[in-house]
Amino acid sequence: MSTTSSDQKLTRSQLRSRIDRLPRMQMAHLPTPLEEMPRLSAELGGPRILVKREDMTGLAYGGNKARHYEFEMPHIRDEGYDTVINIMDYHSNNARMTAAAANKTDLRYILVLKNAAHRKIQGNLLIDKLLGAELHLLDQFQSETADEYAAKLKQQLEAEGAKPYLVQEHLFPRIVGMVGFVEAGLELLDQVEELGLQNVHIVGVAGRSLCGLILAARNLGVDWRFTGVQVTYDPPLDQYIFDHDQDIRDLLDLPVTFTKDDLPVLTQYVGEGYGIMTPEVAEAIHMAARTDAIICDPNYTGTVMAALIDQVRQGNLGEDETVIFLHTGGLPAVFTYAEQLAEFSERG
């Protein structure tokens, strides 16, 4: 990891004060636990493994995005918007948690779901309905022009006198997740110190949450290592995170930001693409569940767990390291893949 000179370091109170400048509404159950996974470590014959339980944030089945929305929803409300329009895939965790956060903030929520027509109502899609999201279920053909579909919805709402916020048109949603996880980095540092952990190596989805932890580490001068795991080909990681390194630095007035060198990314575990579960991911889901009763989802945390297991088996995560698996949630998605997971269980 890049070093941070002493004159650039922030104290914990200085870093927290930068976060506290932003409007906020409490939604997440914090702090989330940092939990040992001793049986997985023993099963793999590898390093000490712990899990940071962002699946326990409590907002509509939990997940990392509860931290995001504590900042994003007040921002939307304070800008005078009364409606949120979001474009996501049919099994999206983001879609589900945005619905919950919109309810908490008394914002109307319109959800354009790609590849959703004629799907069984289960998993995240079921929760979307329970939360009262106004659903537009697009078929495969319509999904190719989902942006245009949502833009027309926005125009219609504006003509009716509403003030809609189309998430994909704004910068703030692209960086706010990093804000929440700068604070998570402060929280995690307290837990790491309390447990006396050394040689910390954090493994998670190559995304905004991990970047927020990197920002905390770099600005506090903490020598944690990070490995990101790519879970989708779209959007490209440059567009998704790396192009926003200066945006987040400016928003929080930070001495330093992250670089690509801070986040090595493993790209070989995606398989055919987002939402298509590989056999390795199915194995990882079962192994985490049957050792330490940690449930992973088939899209995000299952892919990260598959990468972690494989990296231990290859000897790329050393015995002297303390590996922290960042569990970002996504639990309702497990039920969307019920048949595939049950079939794997029977074969196993």
Protein backbone atom coordinates (compact mmCIF):
# COMPACT_ATOMS: atom_id res chain seq x y z
CA MET A 1 0.00 0.00 0.00
CA SER A 2 1.17 3.51 -0.69
CA THR A 3 2.73 5.26 2.29
CA THR A 4 1.28 8.40 3.80
CA SER A 5 3.69 11.02 5.09
CA SER A 6 3.22 12.17 8.67
CA ASP A 7 2.29 15.71 7.63
CA GLN A 8 -0.60 14.32 5.54
CA LYS A 9 -2.03 12.03 8.22
CA LEU A 10 -5.29 12.88 9.95
CA THR A 11 -6.25 12.02 13.49
CA ARG A 12 -9.39 9.96 13.96
CA SER A 13 -11.29 12.98 15.22
CA GLN A 14 -10.16 15.04 12.22
CA LEU A 15 -11.32 12.36 9.80
CA ARG A 16 -14.62 11.97 11.61
CA SER A 17 -15.19 15.73 11.54
CA ARG A 18 -14.99 15.67 7.74
CA ILE A 19 -17.71 13.02 7.61
CA ASP A 20 -19.85 14.88 10.12
CA ARG A 21 -20.07 17.91 7.81
CA LEU A 22 -22.51 16.02 5.58
CA PRO A 23 -26.27 15.78 6.22
CA ARG A 24 -27.13 12.41 7.71
CA MET A 25 -30.06 10.26 8.82
CA GLN A 26 -29.45 7.20 10.99
CA MET A 27 -30.53 3.96 9.29
CA ALA A 28 -27.84 1.34 9.93
CA HIS A 29 -27.31 -0.71 13.07
CA LEU A 30 -23.74 0.18 13.96
CA PRO A 31 -21.11 -0.89 14.75
CA THR A 32 -21.31 -4.14 12.83
CA PRO A 33 -19.50 -7.13 14.38
CA LEU A 34 -16.02 -8.31 13.47
CA GLU A 35 -16.37 -12.06 13.87
CA GLU A 36 -13.89 -14.93 13.78
CA MET A 37 -14.20 -17.74 11.21
CA PRO A 38 -12.05 -20.35 12.96
CA ARG A 39 -13.57 -23.42 11.35
CA LEU A 40 -13.05 -22.06 7.83
CA SER A 41 -9.44 -21.26 8.71
CA ALA A 42 -9.00 -24.82 9.99
CA GLU A 43 -10.75 -26.32 6.96
CA LEU A 44 -8.39 -24.48 4.62
CA GLY A 45 -5.29 -24.89 6.78
CA GLY A 46 -4.67 -21.23 6.16
CA PRO A 47 -4.41 -17.88 7.90
CA ARG A 48 -6.62 -16.47 10.61
CA ILE A 49 -9.87 -15.35 8.95
CA LEU A 50 -12.43 -12.89 10.33
CA VAL A 51 -15.56 -11.43 8.76
CA LYS A 52 -16.75 -7.83 8.99
CA ARG A 53 -20.52 -8.34 9.17
CA GLU A 54 -21.97 -5.60 6.96
CA ASP A 55 -24.83 -8.02 6.33
CA MET A 56 -26.02 -7.08 9.83
CA THR A 57 -26.74 -3.38 9.25
CA GLY A 58 -30.43 -4.12 9.66
CA LEU A 59 -32.08 -2.14 6.84
CA ALA A 60 -34.42 -4.51 4.98
CA TYR A 61 -32.17 -7.57 5.44
CA GLY A 62 -29.03 -5.49 5.80
CA GLY A 63 -26.00 -4.89 3.64
CA ASN A 64 -23.27 -2.36 3.02
CA LYS A 65 -25.61 0.13 1.36
CA ALA A 66 -27.30 0.99 4.64
CA ARG A 67 -24.20 3.07 5.37
CA HIS A 68 -24.50 4.72 1.93
CA TYR A 69 -28.09 5.79 2.35
CA GLU A 70 -27.57 7.48 5.70
CA PHE A 71 -25.92 10.19 3.60
CA GLU A 72 -27.53 9.78 0.18
CA MET A 73 -31.19 10.09 1.15
CA PRO A 74 -30.80 13.31 3.20
CA HIS A 75 -28.81 14.75 0.29
CA ILE A 76 -31.66 13.96 -2.13
CA ARG A 77 -34.31 15.29 0.25
CA ASP A 78 -32.38 18.46 1.06
CA GLU A 79 -31.97 19.19 -2.66
CA GLY A 80 -35.76 19.38 -2.87
CA TYR A 81 -36.53 16.13 -4.69
CA ASP A 82 -39.66 14.16 -3.80
CA THR A 83 -39.20 11.05 -5.97
CA VAL A 84 -36.31 8.67 -6.61
CA ILE A 85 -36.00 6.79 -9.91
CA ASN A 86 -33.50 3.95 -10.00
CA ILE A 87 -32.39 1.58 -12.79
CA MET A 88 -31.16 -1.82 -11.63
CA ASP A 89 -31.13 -5.50 -12.53
CA TYR A 90 -34.00 -7.72 -11.42
CA HIS A 91 -32.10 -9.32 -8.51
CA SER A 92 -30.37 -6.13 -7.36
CA ASN A 93 -29.51 -5.57 -3.70
CA ASN A 94 -29.19 -1.87 -4.44
CA ALA A 95 -32.80 -1.78 -5.68
CA ARG A 96 -34.09 -3.40 -2.50
CA MET A 97 -32.11 -1.24 -0.08
CA THR A 98 -32.91 1.99 -1.95
CA ALA A 99 -36.58 1.13 -1.57
CA ALA A 100 -36.16 0.72 2.18
CA ALA A 101 -34.17 3.94 2.52
CA ALA A 102 -36.71 5.87 0.43
CA ASN A 103 -39.47 4.69 2.78
CA LYS A 104 -37.45 5.88 5.78
CA THR A 105 -37.05 9.29 4.15
CA ASP A 106 -40.67 9.59 2.90
CA LEU A 107 -39.60 9.67 -0.76
CA ARG A 108 -41.59 8.09 -3.57
CA TYR A 109 -39.57 5.28 -5.18
CA ILE A 110 -39.84 4.20 -8.81
CA LEU A 111 -37.76 1.21 -9.80
CA VAL A 112 -36.91 0.30 -13.39
CA LEU A 113 -35.75 -3.32 -13.30
CA LYS A 114 -33.86 -4.80 -16.22
CA ASN A 115 -34.46 -8.41 -17.31
CA ALA A 116 -37.33 -8.61 -14.82
CA ALA A 117 -40.42 -9.36 -16.93
CA HIS A 118 -41.97 -12.77 -16.21
CA ARG A 119 -39.56 -13.52 -13.36
CA LYS A 120 -40.68 -15.46 -10.33
CA ILE A 121 -41.41 -13.05 -7.48
CA GLN A 122 -38.75 -14.07 -4.97
CA GLY A 123 -35.54 -12.83 -3.38
CA ASN A 124 -34.87 -9.12 -3.76
CA LEU A 125 -37.74 -8.71 -6.21
CA LEU A 126 -40.18 -9.91 -3.55
CA ILE A 127 -38.76 -7.46 -1.01
CA ASP A 128 -39.05 -4.64 -3.57
CA LYS A 129 -42.77 -5.38 -3.81
CA LEU A 130 -43.23 -5.65 -0.05
CA LEU A 131 -41.58 -2.26 0.39
CA GLY A 132 -44.02 -0.72 -2.07
CA ALA A 133 -41.61 0.21 -4.84
CA GLU A 134 -43.38 1.25 -8.05
CA LEU A 135 -41.99 -1.43 -10.34
CA HIS A 136 -41.38 -1.25 -14.08
CA LEU A 137 -40.38 -4.77 -15.07
CA LEU A 138 -38.52 -4.66 -18.37
CA ASP A 139 -38.00 -7.60 -20.68
CA GLN A 140 -34.66 -8.34 -22.30
CA PHE A 141 -35.39 -6.18 -25.34
CA GLN A 142 -36.62 -3.19 -23.28
CA SER A 143 -33.60 -3.53 -20.99
CA GLU A 144 -31.29 -2.50 -23.80
CA THR A 145 -32.78 1.00 -23.64
CA ALA A 146 -33.45 1.18 -19.89
CA ASP A 147 -31.78 4.59 -19.60
CA GLU A 148 -34.12 6.07 -22.20
CA TYR A 149 -37.10 4.38 -20.54
CA ALA A 150 -36.21 5.97 -17.18
CA ALA A 151 -35.55 9.37 -18.75
CA LYS A 152 -39.07 9.36 -20.22
CA LEU A 153 -40.51 8.46 -16.83
CA LYS A 154 -38.65 11.40 -15.35
CA GLN A 155 -40.07 13.75 -18.00
CA GLN A 156 -43.60 12.49 -17.36
CA LEU A 157 -43.26 13.03 -13.61
CA GLU A 158 -41.88 16.53 -14.12
CA ALA A 159 -44.83 17.35 -16.36
CA GLU A 160 -47.10 16.22 -13.51
CA GLY A 161 -45.37 18.60 -11.09
CA ALA A 162 -43.10 16.13 -9.29
CA LYS A 163 -39.38 16.64 -8.78
CA PRO A 164 -37.78 13.27 -9.61
CA TYR A 165 -34.16 12.34 -8.92
CA LEU A 166 -32.86 9.86 -11.50
CA VAL A 167 -30.01 8.21 -9.62
CA GLN A 168 -27.93 7.40 -12.69
CA GLU A 169 -27.72 11.09 -13.69
CA HIS A 170 -25.95 12.28 -10.54
CA LEU A 171 -22.40 12.15 -9.19
CA PHE A 172 -23.21 11.92 -5.48
CA PRO A 173 -24.55 8.31 -5.60
CA ARG A 174 -21.28 7.24 -7.24
CA ILE A 175 -19.15 8.37 -4.32
CA VAL A 176 -21.41 8.36 -1.27
CA GLY A 177 -20.72 4.68 -0.59
CA MET A 178 -17.09 5.60 -0.06
CA VAL A 179 -18.15 8.14 2.58
CA GLY A 180 -20.00 5.51 4.59
CA PHE A 181 -16.99 3.24 4.51
CA VAL A 182 -14.50 5.88 5.49
CA GLU A 183 -16.49 5.86 8.71
CA ALA A 184 -16.54 2.05 8.65
CA GLY A 185 -12.75 2.23 8.51
CA LEU A 186 -12.70 4.18 11.76
CA GLU A 187 -15.01 1.59 13.28
CA LEU A 188 -12.91 -1.31 12.00
CA LEU A 189 -9.68 0.23 13.29
CA ASP A 190 -11.11 0.29 16.82
CA GLN A 191 -12.07 -3.39 16.48
CA VAL A 192 -8.70 -4.39 15.05
CA GLU A 193 -6.89 -2.67 17.90
CA GLU A 194 -9.20 -4.16 20.51
CA LEU A 195 -8.40 -7.66 19.21
CA GLY A 196 -4.70 -6.91 18.76
CA LEU A 197 -4.72 -7.95 15.10
CA GLN A 198 -1.55 -7.61 13.04
CA ASN A 199 -0.77 -7.86 9.30
CA VAL A 200 -4.36 -7.09 8.32
CA HIS A 201 -5.36 -7.97 4.76
CA ILE A 202 -8.94 -7.02 3.80
CA VAL A 203 -10.63 -8.91 0.95
CA GLY A 204 -13.90 -7.74 -0.57
CA VAL A 205 -15.80 -6.76 -3.67
CA ALA A 206 -13.78 -4.38 -5.84
CA GLY A 207 -16.10 -1.45 -5.26
CA ARG A 208 -16.89 1.68 -3.33
CA SER A 209 -17.02 0.11 0.11
CA LEU A 210 -13.49 -1.23 -0.16
CA CYS A 211 -12.33 2.14 -1.51
CA GLY A 212 -13.80 3.85 1.55
CA LEU A 213 -11.79 1.57 3.82
CA ILE A 214 -8.66 2.34 1.78
CA LEU A 215 -9.32 6.06 2.18
CA ALA A 216 -9.59 5.66 5.93
CA ALA A 217 -6.39 3.62 6.10
CA ARG A 218 -4.38 5.97 3.91
CA ASN A 219 -5.49 9.14 5.64
CA LEU A 220 -4.92 7.67 9.10
CA GLY A 221 -1.57 6.16 8.11
CA VAL A 222 -2.70 2.59 8.84
CA ASP A 223 -0.79 -0.16 7.04
CA TRP A 224 -3.60 -2.45 5.94
CA ARG A 225 -3.42 -4.43 2.70
CA PHE A 226 -6.41 -4.76 0.37
CA THR A 227 -7.49 -7.13 -2.37
CA GLY A 228 -10.58 -6.49 -4.47
CA VAL A 229 -12.52 -9.15 -6.34
CA GLN A 230 -14.25 -8.25 -9.58
CA VAL A 231 -17.84 -9.53 -9.65
CA THR A 232 -19.13 -8.02 -12.91
CA TYR A 233 -17.84 -6.78 -16.25
CA ASP A 234 -20.22 -3.82 -16.42
CA PRO A 235 -19.55 -1.07 -15.54
CA PRO A 236 -15.77 -1.17 -15.94
CA LEU A 237 -13.91 -0.57 -12.67
CA ASP A 238 -12.34 2.67 -13.90
CA GLN A 239 -15.78 4.14 -14.49
CA TYR A 240 -17.22 2.62 -11.31
CA ILE A 241 -14.54 3.59 -8.78
CA PHE A 242 -11.11 4.67 -9.98
CA ASP A 243 -12.30 7.68 -11.99
CA HIS A 244 -13.80 9.12 -8.78
CA ASP A 245 -10.62 9.23 -6.70
CA GLN A 246 -10.50 13.03 -6.80
CA ASP A 247 -14.28 13.48 -6.42
CA ILE A 248 -14.26 11.76 -3.04
CA ARG A 249 -11.08 13.57 -1.99
CA ASP A 250 -12.74 16.90 -2.76
CA LEU A 251 -16.03 15.99 -1.06
CA LEU A 252 -14.34 15.10 2.23
CA ASP A 253 -11.38 17.49 1.92
CA LEU A 254 -8.87 14.66 2.41
CA PRO A 255 -5.09 15.02 2.30
CA VAL A 256 -4.73 11.92 0.12
CA THR A 257 -6.94 9.66 -1.94
CA PHE A 258 -6.67 6.09 -3.21
CA THR A 259 -4.91 4.90 -6.36
CA LYS A 260 -5.04 1.71 -8.40
CA ASP A 261 -1.87 0.61 -6.62
CA ASP A 262 -3.80 0.49 -3.34
CA LEU A 263 -6.33 -2.02 -4.67
CA PRO A 264 -5.02 -5.04 -6.57
CA VAL A 265 -8.04 -6.60 -8.26
CA LEU A 266 -8.58 -10.31 -8.94
CA THR A 267 -10.49 -10.58 -12.21
CA GLN A 268 -10.56 -14.35 -12.72
CA TYR A 269 -13.57 -15.22 -10.57
CA VAL A 270 -16.38 -13.45 -12.48
CA GLY A 271 -17.18 -16.43 -14.68
CA GLU A 272 -19.68 -15.69 -17.45
CA GLY A 273 -20.79 -12.46 -15.80
CA TYR A 274 -22.91 -10.80 -13.16
CA GLY A 275 -25.71 -12.92 -11.84
CA ILE A 276 -24.41 -16.21 -13.30
CA MET A 277 -23.24 -18.37 -10.41
CA THR A 278 -20.15 -20.49 -10.99
CA PRO A 279 -19.59 -23.92 -9.36
CA GLU A 280 -16.75 -22.37 -7.36
CA VAL A 281 -19.13 -19.76 -5.93
CA ALA A 282 -21.66 -22.48 -5.03
CA GLU A 283 -18.90 -24.41 -3.26
CA ALA A 284 -17.80 -21.28 -1.38
CA ILE A 285 -21.36 -20.51 -0.23
CA HIS A 286 -21.70 -24.02 1.14
CA MET A 287 -18.27 -24.03 2.80
CA ALA A 288 -18.79 -20.70 4.62
CA ALA A 289 -22.24 -21.83 5.76
CA ARG A 290 -21.16 -25.28 6.93
CA THR A 291 -18.08 -24.12 8.80
CA ASP A 292 -18.92 -20.85 10.54
CA ALA A 293 -22.60 -20.38 9.61
CA ILE A 294 -21.85 -17.35 7.42
CA ILE A 295 -24.32 -17.06 4.54
CA CYS A 296 -22.98 -15.52 1.34
CA ASP A 297 -24.92 -14.46 -1.74
CA PRO A 298 -24.34 -15.79 -5.28
CA ASN A 299 -23.41 -12.44 -6.85
CA TYR A 300 -21.11 -10.53 -4.55
CA THR A 301 -19.98 -12.11 -1.30
CA GLY A 302 -20.09 -15.64 -2.71
CA THR A 303 -17.69 -14.60 -5.46
CA VAL A 304 -15.40 -12.93 -2.93
CA MET A 305 -15.50 -16.00 -0.70
CA ALA A 306 -14.66 -18.23 -3.68
CA ALA A 307 -11.68 -15.99 -4.41
CA LEU A 308 -10.56 -16.01 -0.77
CA ILE A 309 -10.75 -19.81 -0.59
CA ASP A 310 -8.84 -20.23 -3.84
CA GLN A 311 -6.17 -17.69 -2.84
CA VAL A 312 -5.60 -19.53 0.45
CA ARG A 313 -5.36 -22.85 -1.37
CA GLN A 314 -2.79 -21.36 -3.75
CA GLY A 315 -0.76 -19.99 -0.87
CA ASN A 316 -1.30 -16.37 -1.87
CA LEU A 317 -2.73 -15.45 1.53
CA GLY A 318 0.03 -16.18 3.98
CA GLU A 319 -0.09 -17.82 7.41
CA ASP A 320 1.22 -14.63 8.99
CA GLU A 321 -1.65 -12.52 7.64
CA THR A 322 -4.93 -11.73 9.34
CA VAL A 323 -7.54 -11.90 6.60
CA ILE A 324 -10.73 -9.86 7.02
CA PHE A 325 -13.54 -10.85 4.66
CA LEU A 326 -15.78 -7.83 4.03
CA HIS A 327 -19.32 -9.28 3.98
CA THR A 328 -21.43 -6.69 2.17
CA GLY A 329 -24.78 -8.48 2.48
CA GLY A 330 -27.06 -9.49 -0.37
CA LEU A 331 -28.81 -12.28 1.53
CA PRO A 332 -32.22 -12.20 -0.24
CA ALA A 333 -30.45 -13.10 -3.49
CA VAL A 334 -29.76 -16.56 -2.07
CA PHE A 335 -33.41 -17.46 -2.56
CA THR A 336 -33.35 -16.45 -6.23
CA TYR A 337 -30.81 -19.24 -6.76
CA ALA A 338 -32.57 -21.80 -4.57
CA GLU A 339 -32.74 -24.58 -7.15
CA GLN A 340 -29.09 -24.28 -8.16
CA LEU A 341 -27.87 -24.15 -4.57
CA ALA A 342 -30.08 -27.05 -3.50
CA GLU A 343 -28.83 -29.12 -6.44
CA PHE A 344 -25.23 -28.43 -5.44
CA SER A 345 -26.05 -29.47 -1.85
CA GLU A 346 -27.44 -32.78 -3.08
CA ARG A 347 -24.39 -33.44 -5.24
CA GLY A 348 -22.08 -32.52 -2.36
